[in-house]
Amino acid sequence: MFPEFRELISVLKAQDARFARLFHRHNEMDQEIKNMEAGLVPADSVAIETLKKEKLKLKDELYVILRKAAA
């Protein structure tokens, strides 16, 4: 995610607790979705789509933080 901000992500994860929480939650959601899609965790398509939308909102929020920090 955001390879152009790889170094900045490392810095923000260490220095910005909110960013670190959001980044960690995004990764957790990504794994949850993978587990659901693989059938490891029971879920219907609505639950998966809902989680994907929440993950996308987090990604957008992370991107805003990254753009501000890069400016």
PDB file of N, CA and C in Angstrom:
ATOM      1  N   MET A   1       0.842  -1.187   0.000  1.00  0.00           N
ATOM      2  CA  MET A   1       0.000   0.000   0.000  1.00  0.00           C
ATOM      3  C   MET A   1       0.883   1.245   0.000  1.00  0.00           C
ATOM      4  N   PHE A   2       0.649   2.112  -0.949  1.00  0.00           N
ATOM      5  CA  PHE A   2       1.360   3.387  -1.086  1.00  0.00           C
ATOM      6  C   PHE A   2       2.882   3.224  -1.122  1.00  0.00           C
ATOM      7  N   PRO A   3       3.411   2.509  -2.102  1.00  0.00           N
ATOM      8  CA  PRO A   3       4.861   2.308  -2.153  1.00  0.00           C
ATOM      9  C   PRO A   3       5.643   3.613  -2.274  1.00  0.00           C
ATOM     10  N   GLU A   4       5.025   4.633  -2.830  1.00  0.00           N
ATOM     11  CA  GLU A   4       5.717   5.913  -2.959  1.00  0.00           C
ATOM     12  C   GLU A   4       5.921   6.607  -1.604  1.00  0.00           C
ATOM     13  N   PHE A   5       5.212   6.138  -0.585  1.00  0.00           N
ATOM     14  CA  PHE A   5       5.318   6.725   0.755  1.00  0.00           C
ATOM     15  C   PHE A   5       5.952   5.756   1.755  1.00  0.00           C
ATOM     16  N   ARG A   6       6.657   4.745   1.265  1.00  0.00           N
ATOM     17  CA  ARG A   6       7.182   3.696   2.145  1.00  0.00           C
ATOM     18  C   ARG A   6       7.985   4.256   3.325  1.00  0.00           C
ATOM     19  N   GLU A   7       8.917   5.149   3.048  1.00  0.00           N
ATOM     20  CA  GLU A   7       9.746   5.710   4.129  1.00  0.00           C
ATOM     21  C   GLU A   7       8.909   6.551   5.083  1.00  0.00           C
ATOM     22  N   LEU A   8       8.017   7.362   4.534  1.00  0.00           N
ATOM     23  CA  LEU A   8       7.166   8.209   5.367  1.00  0.00           C
ATOM     24  C   LEU A   8       6.248   7.365   6.240  1.00  0.00           C
ATOM     25  N   ILE A   9       5.756   6.264   5.709  1.00  0.00           N
ATOM     26  CA  ILE A   9       4.913   5.366   6.496  1.00  0.00           C
ATOM     27  C   ILE A   9       5.690   4.846   7.706  1.00  0.00           C
ATOM     28  N   SER A  10       6.930   4.455   7.500  1.00  0.00           N
ATOM     29  CA  SER A  10       7.753   3.973   8.620  1.00  0.00           C
ATOM     30  C   SER A  10       7.919   5.045   9.684  1.00  0.00           C
ATOM     31  N   VAL A  11       8.160   6.264   9.244  1.00  0.00           N
ATOM     32  CA  VAL A  11       8.328   7.381  10.185  1.00  0.00           C
ATOM     33  C   VAL A  11       7.029   7.634  10.942  1.00  0.00           C
ATOM     34  N   LEU A  12       5.928   7.713  10.214  1.00  0.00           N
ATOM     35  CA  LEU A  12       4.648   8.014  10.860  1.00  0.00           C
ATOM     36  C   LEU A  12       4.204   6.901  11.802  1.00  0.00           C
ATOM     37  N   LYS A  13       4.472   5.655  11.437  1.00  0.00           N
ATOM     38  CA  LYS A  13       4.108   4.560  12.334  1.00  0.00           C
ATOM     39  C   LYS A  13       4.849   4.669  13.664  1.00  0.00           C
ATOM     40  N   ALA A  14       6.058   5.212  13.627  1.00  0.00           N
ATOM     41  CA  ALA A  14       6.852   5.356  14.845  1.00  0.00           C
ATOM     42  C   ALA A  14       6.507   6.627  15.622  1.00  0.00           C
ATOM     43  N   GLN A  15       6.077   7.666  14.914  1.00  0.00           N
ATOM     44  CA  GLN A  15       5.903   8.969  15.562  1.00  0.00           C
ATOM     45  C   GLN A  15       4.457   9.403  15.760  1.00  0.00           C
ATOM     46  N   ASP A  16       3.528   8.817  15.048  1.00  0.00           N
ATOM     47  CA  ASP A  16       2.134   9.246  15.102  1.00  0.00           C
ATOM     48  C   ASP A  16       1.264   8.059  15.519  1.00  0.00           C
ATOM     49  N   ALA A  17       0.830   8.087  16.780  1.00  0.00           N
ATOM     50  CA  ALA A  17       0.072   6.956  17.326  1.00  0.00           C
ATOM     51  C   ALA A  17      -1.229   6.727  16.566  1.00  0.00           C
ATOM     52  N   ARG A  18      -1.893   7.782  16.167  1.00  0.00           N
ATOM     53  CA  ARG A  18      -3.153   7.646  15.427  1.00  0.00           C
ATOM     54  C   ARG A  18      -2.907   6.980  14.070  1.00  0.00           C
ATOM     55  N   PHE A  19      -1.888   7.432  13.371  1.00  0.00           N
ATOM     56  CA  PHE A  19      -1.555   6.825  12.083  1.00  0.00           C
ATOM     57  C   PHE A  19      -1.218   5.356  12.277  1.00  0.00           C
ATOM     58  N   ALA A  20      -0.440   5.048  13.281  1.00  0.00           N
ATOM     59  CA  ALA A  20      -0.047   3.659  13.540  1.00  0.00           C
ATOM     60  C   ALA A  20      -1.272   2.787  13.800  1.00  0.00           C
ATOM     61  N   ARG A  21      -2.228   3.300  14.577  1.00  0.00           N
ATOM     62  CA  ARG A  21      -3.462   2.546  14.860  1.00  0.00           C
ATOM     63  C   ARG A  21      -4.255   2.302  13.581  1.00  0.00           C
ATOM     64  N   LEU A  22      -4.420   3.361  12.779  1.00  0.00           N
ATOM     65  CA  LEU A  22      -5.174   3.233  11.536  1.00  0.00           C
ATOM     66  C   LEU A  22      -4.496   2.248  10.583  1.00  0.00           C
ATOM     67  N   PHE A  23      -3.184   2.345  10.476  1.00  0.00           N
ATOM     68  CA  PHE A  23      -2.429   1.465   9.585  1.00  0.00           C
ATOM     69  C   PHE A  23      -2.563   0.010  10.031  1.00  0.00           C
ATOM     70  N   HIS A  24      -2.443  -0.211  11.331  1.00  0.00           N
ATOM     71  CA  HIS A  24      -2.570  -1.562  11.879  1.00  0.00           C
ATOM     72  C   HIS A  24      -3.983  -2.105  11.636  1.00  0.00           C
ATOM     73  N   ARG A  25      -4.984  -1.280  11.863  1.00  0.00           N
ATOM     74  CA  ARG A  25      -6.375  -1.711  11.661  1.00  0.00           C
ATOM     75  C   ARG A  25      -6.627  -2.042  10.188  1.00  0.00           C
ATOM     76  N   HIS A  26      -6.066  -1.240   9.297  1.00  0.00           N
ATOM     77  CA  HIS A  26      -6.220  -1.502   7.861  1.00  0.00           C
ATOM     78  C   HIS A  26      -5.649  -2.880   7.515  1.00  0.00           C
ATOM     79  N   ASN A  27      -4.480  -3.191   8.040  1.00  0.00           N
ATOM     80  CA  ASN A  27      -3.864  -4.491   7.785  1.00  0.00           C
ATOM     81  C   ASN A  27      -4.680  -5.635   8.387  1.00  0.00           C
ATOM     82  N   GLU A  28      -5.235  -5.399   9.580  1.00  0.00           N
ATOM     83  CA  GLU A  28      -6.094  -6.415  10.201  1.00  0.00           C
ATOM     84  C   GLU A  28      -7.326  -6.684   9.341  1.00  0.00           C
ATOM     85  N   MET A  29      -7.937  -5.606   8.858  1.00  0.00           N
ATOM     86  CA  MET A  29      -9.125  -5.751   8.014  1.00  0.00           C
ATOM     87  C   MET A  29      -8.792  -6.500   6.725  1.00  0.00           C
ATOM     88  N   ASP A  30      -7.643  -6.198   6.165  1.00  0.00           N
ATOM     89  CA  ASP A  30      -7.205  -6.878   4.952  1.00  0.00           C
ATOM     90  C   ASP A  30      -7.114  -8.377   5.189  1.00  0.00           C
ATOM     91  N   GLN A  31      -6.539  -8.771   6.301  1.00  0.00           N
ATOM     92  CA  GLN A  31      -6.424 -10.200   6.627  1.00  0.00           C
ATOM     93  C   GLN A  31      -7.794 -10.818   6.886  1.00  0.00           C
ATOM     94  N   GLU A  32      -8.670 -10.070   7.580  1.00  0.00           N
ATOM     95  CA  GLU A  32     -10.024 -10.573   7.830  1.00  0.00           C
ATOM     96  C   GLU A  32     -10.743 -10.856   6.510  1.00  0.00           C
ATOM     97  N   ILE A  33     -10.623  -9.932   5.573  1.00  0.00           N
ATOM     98  CA  ILE A  33     -11.267 -10.098   4.269  1.00  0.00           C
ATOM     99  C   ILE A  33     -10.707 -11.316   3.549  1.00  0.00           C
ATOM    100  N   LYS A  34      -9.397 -11.470   3.565  1.00  0.00           N
ATOM    101  CA  LYS A  34      -8.777 -12.631   2.921  1.00  0.00           C
ATOM    102  C   LYS A  34      -9.289 -13.930   3.537  1.00  0.00           C
ATOM    103  N   ASN A  35      -9.387 -13.956   4.875  1.00  0.00           N
ATOM    104  CA  ASN A  35      -9.872 -15.148   5.564  1.00  0.00           C
ATOM    105  C   ASN A  35     -11.326 -15.452   5.204  1.00  0.00           C
ATOM    106  N   MET A  36     -12.139 -14.395   5.099  1.00  0.00           N
ATOM    107  CA  MET A  36     -13.542 -14.573   4.729  1.00  0.00           C
ATOM    108  C   MET A  36     -13.666 -15.094   3.300  1.00  0.00           C
ATOM    109  N   GLU A  37     -12.902 -14.499   2.400  1.00  0.00           N
ATOM    110  CA  GLU A  37     -12.976 -14.905   0.998  1.00  0.00           C
ATOM    111  C   GLU A  37     -12.452 -16.323   0.781  1.00  0.00           C
ATOM    112  N   ALA A  38     -11.521 -16.745   1.623  1.00  0.00           N
ATOM    113  CA  ALA A  38     -10.970 -18.099   1.520  1.00  0.00           C
ATOM    114  C   ALA A  38     -11.849 -19.132   2.226  1.00  0.00           C
ATOM    115  N   GLY A  39     -12.879 -18.664   2.917  1.00  0.00           N
ATOM    116  CA  GLY A  39     -13.772 -19.570   3.624  1.00  0.00           C
ATOM    117  C   GLY A  39     -13.260 -20.000   4.981  1.00  0.00           C
ATOM    118  N   LEU A  40     -12.195 -19.379   5.449  1.00  0.00           N
ATOM    119  CA  LEU A  40     -11.654 -19.723   6.766  1.00  0.00           C
ATOM    120  C   LEU A  40     -12.508 -19.150   7.886  1.00  0.00           C
ATOM    121  N   VAL A  41     -13.182 -18.043   7.590  1.00  0.00           N
ATOM    122  CA  VAL A  41     -14.079 -17.394   8.541  1.00  0.00           C
ATOM    123  C   VAL A  41     -15.446 -17.313   7.858  1.00  0.00           C
ATOM    124  N   PRO A  42     -16.485 -17.823   8.511  1.00  0.00           N
ATOM    125  CA  PRO A  42     -17.792 -17.782   7.868  1.00  0.00           C
ATOM    126  C   PRO A  42     -18.279 -16.336   7.704  1.00  0.00           C
ATOM    127  N   ALA A  43     -18.684 -15.998   6.481  1.00  0.00           N
ATOM    128  CA  ALA A  43     -19.208 -14.663   6.203  1.00  0.00           C
ATOM    129  C   ALA A  43     -19.950 -14.687   4.883  1.00  0.00           C
ATOM    130  N   ASP A  44     -20.978 -13.871   4.810  1.00  0.00           N
ATOM    131  CA  ASP A  44     -21.691 -13.764   3.541  1.00  0.00           C
ATOM    132  C   ASP A  44     -21.117 -12.591   2.743  1.00  0.00           C
ATOM    133  N   SER A  45     -21.575 -12.464   1.523  1.00  0.00           N
ATOM    134  CA  SER A  45     -21.025 -11.430   0.641  1.00  0.00           C
ATOM    135  C   SER A  45     -21.287 -10.029   1.166  1.00  0.00           C
ATOM    136  N   VAL A  46     -22.389  -9.829   1.873  1.00  0.00           N
ATOM    137  CA  VAL A  46     -22.700  -8.510   2.425  1.00  0.00           C
ATOM    138  C   VAL A  46     -21.673  -8.127   3.493  1.00  0.00           C
ATOM    139  N   ALA A  47     -21.329  -9.068   4.350  1.00  0.00           N
ATOM    140  CA  ALA A  47     -20.340  -8.807   5.397  1.00  0.00           C
ATOM    141  C   ALA A  47     -18.979  -8.486   4.789  1.00  0.00           C
ATOM    142  N   ILE A  48     -18.621  -9.209   3.752  1.00  0.00           N
ATOM    143  CA  ILE A  48     -17.332  -8.975   3.095  1.00  0.00           C
ATOM    144  C   ILE A  48     -17.320  -7.600   2.447  1.00  0.00           C
ATOM    145  N   GLU A  49     -18.379  -7.257   1.737  1.00  0.00           N
ATOM    146  CA  GLU A  49     -18.449  -5.944   1.074  1.00  0.00           C
ATOM    147  C   GLU A  49     -18.437  -4.806   2.092  1.00  0.00           C
ATOM    148  N   THR A  50     -19.115  -4.982   3.205  1.00  0.00           N
ATOM    149  CA  THR A  50     -19.129  -3.965   4.261  1.00  0.00           C
ATOM    150  C   THR A  50     -17.724  -3.744   4.796  1.00  0.00           C
ATOM    151  N   LEU A  51     -17.025  -4.828   5.052  1.00  0.00           N
ATOM    152  CA  LEU A  51     -15.665  -4.730   5.556  1.00  0.00           C
ATOM    153  C   LEU A  51     -14.740  -4.082   4.523  1.00  0.00           C
ATOM    154  N   LYS A  52     -14.928  -4.411   3.264  1.00  0.00           N
ATOM    155  CA  LYS A  52     -14.117  -3.801   2.207  1.00  0.00           C
ATOM    156  C   LYS A  52     -14.341  -2.291   2.147  1.00  0.00           C
ATOM    157  N   LYS A  53     -15.576  -1.856   2.323  1.00  0.00           N
ATOM    158  CA  LYS A  53     -15.876  -0.424   2.308  1.00  0.00           C
ATOM    159  C   LYS A  53     -15.230   0.281   3.497  1.00  0.00           C
ATOM    160  N   GLU A  54     -15.285  -0.342   4.664  1.00  0.00           N
ATOM    161  CA  GLU A  54     -14.643   0.232   5.849  1.00  0.00           C
ATOM    162  C   GLU A  54     -13.126   0.333   5.637  1.00  0.00           C
ATOM    163  N   LYS A  55     -12.557  -0.704   5.054  1.00  0.00           N
ATOM    164  CA  LYS A  55     -11.114  -0.715   4.779  1.00  0.00           C
ATOM    165  C   LYS A  55     -10.749   0.390   3.796  1.00  0.00           C
ATOM    166  N   LEU A  56     -11.565   0.601   2.805  1.00  0.00           N
ATOM    167  CA  LEU A  56     -11.314   1.656   1.829  1.00  0.00           C
ATOM    168  C   LEU A  56     -11.372   3.037   2.488  1.00  0.00           C
ATOM    169  N   LYS A  57     -12.305   3.232   3.405  1.00  0.00           N
ATOM    170  CA  LYS A  57     -12.372   4.506   4.136  1.00  0.00           C
ATOM    171  C   LYS A  57     -11.087   4.736   4.932  1.00  0.00           C
ATOM    172  N   LEU A  58     -10.606   3.679   5.574  1.00  0.00           N
ATOM    173  CA  LEU A  58      -9.347   3.779   6.321  1.00  0.00           C
ATOM    174  C   LEU A  58      -8.193   4.124   5.390  1.00  0.00           C
ATOM    175  N   LYS A  59      -8.162   3.490   4.235  1.00  0.00           N
ATOM    176  CA  LYS A  59      -7.095   3.756   3.268  1.00  0.00           C
ATOM    177  C   LYS A  59      -7.136   5.211   2.823  1.00  0.00           C
ATOM    178  N   ASP A  60      -8.333   5.728   2.574  1.00  0.00           N
ATOM    179  CA  ASP A  60      -8.468   7.138   2.203  1.00  0.00           C
ATOM    180  C   ASP A  60      -7.963   8.055   3.310  1.00  0.00           C
ATOM    181  N   GLU A  61      -8.296   7.711   4.537  1.00  0.00           N
ATOM    182  CA  GLU A  61      -7.857   8.510   5.683  1.00  0.00           C
ATOM    183  C   GLU A  61      -6.326   8.464   5.819  1.00  0.00           C
ATOM    184  N   LEU A  62      -5.758   7.300   5.633  1.00  0.00           N
ATOM    185  CA  LEU A  62      -4.301   7.172   5.688  1.00  0.00           C
ATOM    186  C   LEU A  62      -3.642   8.000   4.583  1.00  0.00           C
ATOM    187  N   TYR A  63      -4.235   7.988   3.408  1.00  0.00           N
ATOM    188  CA  TYR A  63      -3.679   8.740   2.289  1.00  0.00           C
ATOM    189  C   TYR A  63      -3.692  10.236   2.568  1.00  0.00           C
ATOM    190  N   VAL A  64      -4.759  10.737   3.166  1.00  0.00           N
ATOM    191  CA  VAL A  64      -4.836  12.156   3.522  1.00  0.00           C
ATOM    192  C   VAL A  64      -3.720  12.509   4.498  1.00  0.00           C
ATOM    193  N   ILE A  65      -3.512  11.677   5.488  1.00  0.00           N
ATOM    194  CA  ILE A  65      -2.443  11.924   6.469  1.00  0.00           C
ATOM    195  C   ILE A  65      -1.086  11.919   5.773  1.00  0.00           C
ATOM    196  N   LEU A  66      -0.873  10.957   4.902  1.00  0.00           N
ATOM    197  CA  LEU A  66       0.400  10.867   4.187  1.00  0.00           C
ATOM    198  C   LEU A  66       0.640  12.094   3.317  1.00  0.00           C
ATOM    199  N   ARG A  67      -0.360  12.539   2.602  1.00  0.00           N
ATOM    200  CA  ARG A  67      -0.206  13.713   1.736  1.00  0.00           C
ATOM    201  C   ARG A  67       0.120  14.954   2.552  1.00  0.00           C
ATOM    202  N   LYS A  68      -0.538  15.127   3.695  1.00  0.00           N
ATOM    203  CA  LYS A  68      -0.266  16.276   4.558  1.00  0.00           C
ATOM    204  C   LYS A  68       1.171  16.212   5.101  1.00  0.00           C
ATOM    205  N   ALA A  69       1.567  15.035   5.528  1.00  0.00           N
ATOM    206  CA  ALA A  69       2.913  14.874   6.087  1.00  0.00           C
ATOM    207  C   ALA A  69       3.999  15.061   5.017  1.00  0.00           C
ATOM    208  N   ALA A  70       3.685  14.709   3.793  1.00  0.00           N
ATOM    209  CA  ALA A  70       4.660  14.831   2.718  1.00  0.00           C
ATOM    210  C   ALA A  70       4.817  16.276   2.228  1.00  0.00           C
ATOM    211  N   ALA A  71       3.812  17.082   2.490  1.00  0.00           N
ATOM    212  CA  ALA A  71       3.825  18.479   2.012  1.00  0.00           C
ATOM    213  C   ALA A  71       4.798  19.353   2.777  1.00  0.00           C
TER     214      ALA A  71
END
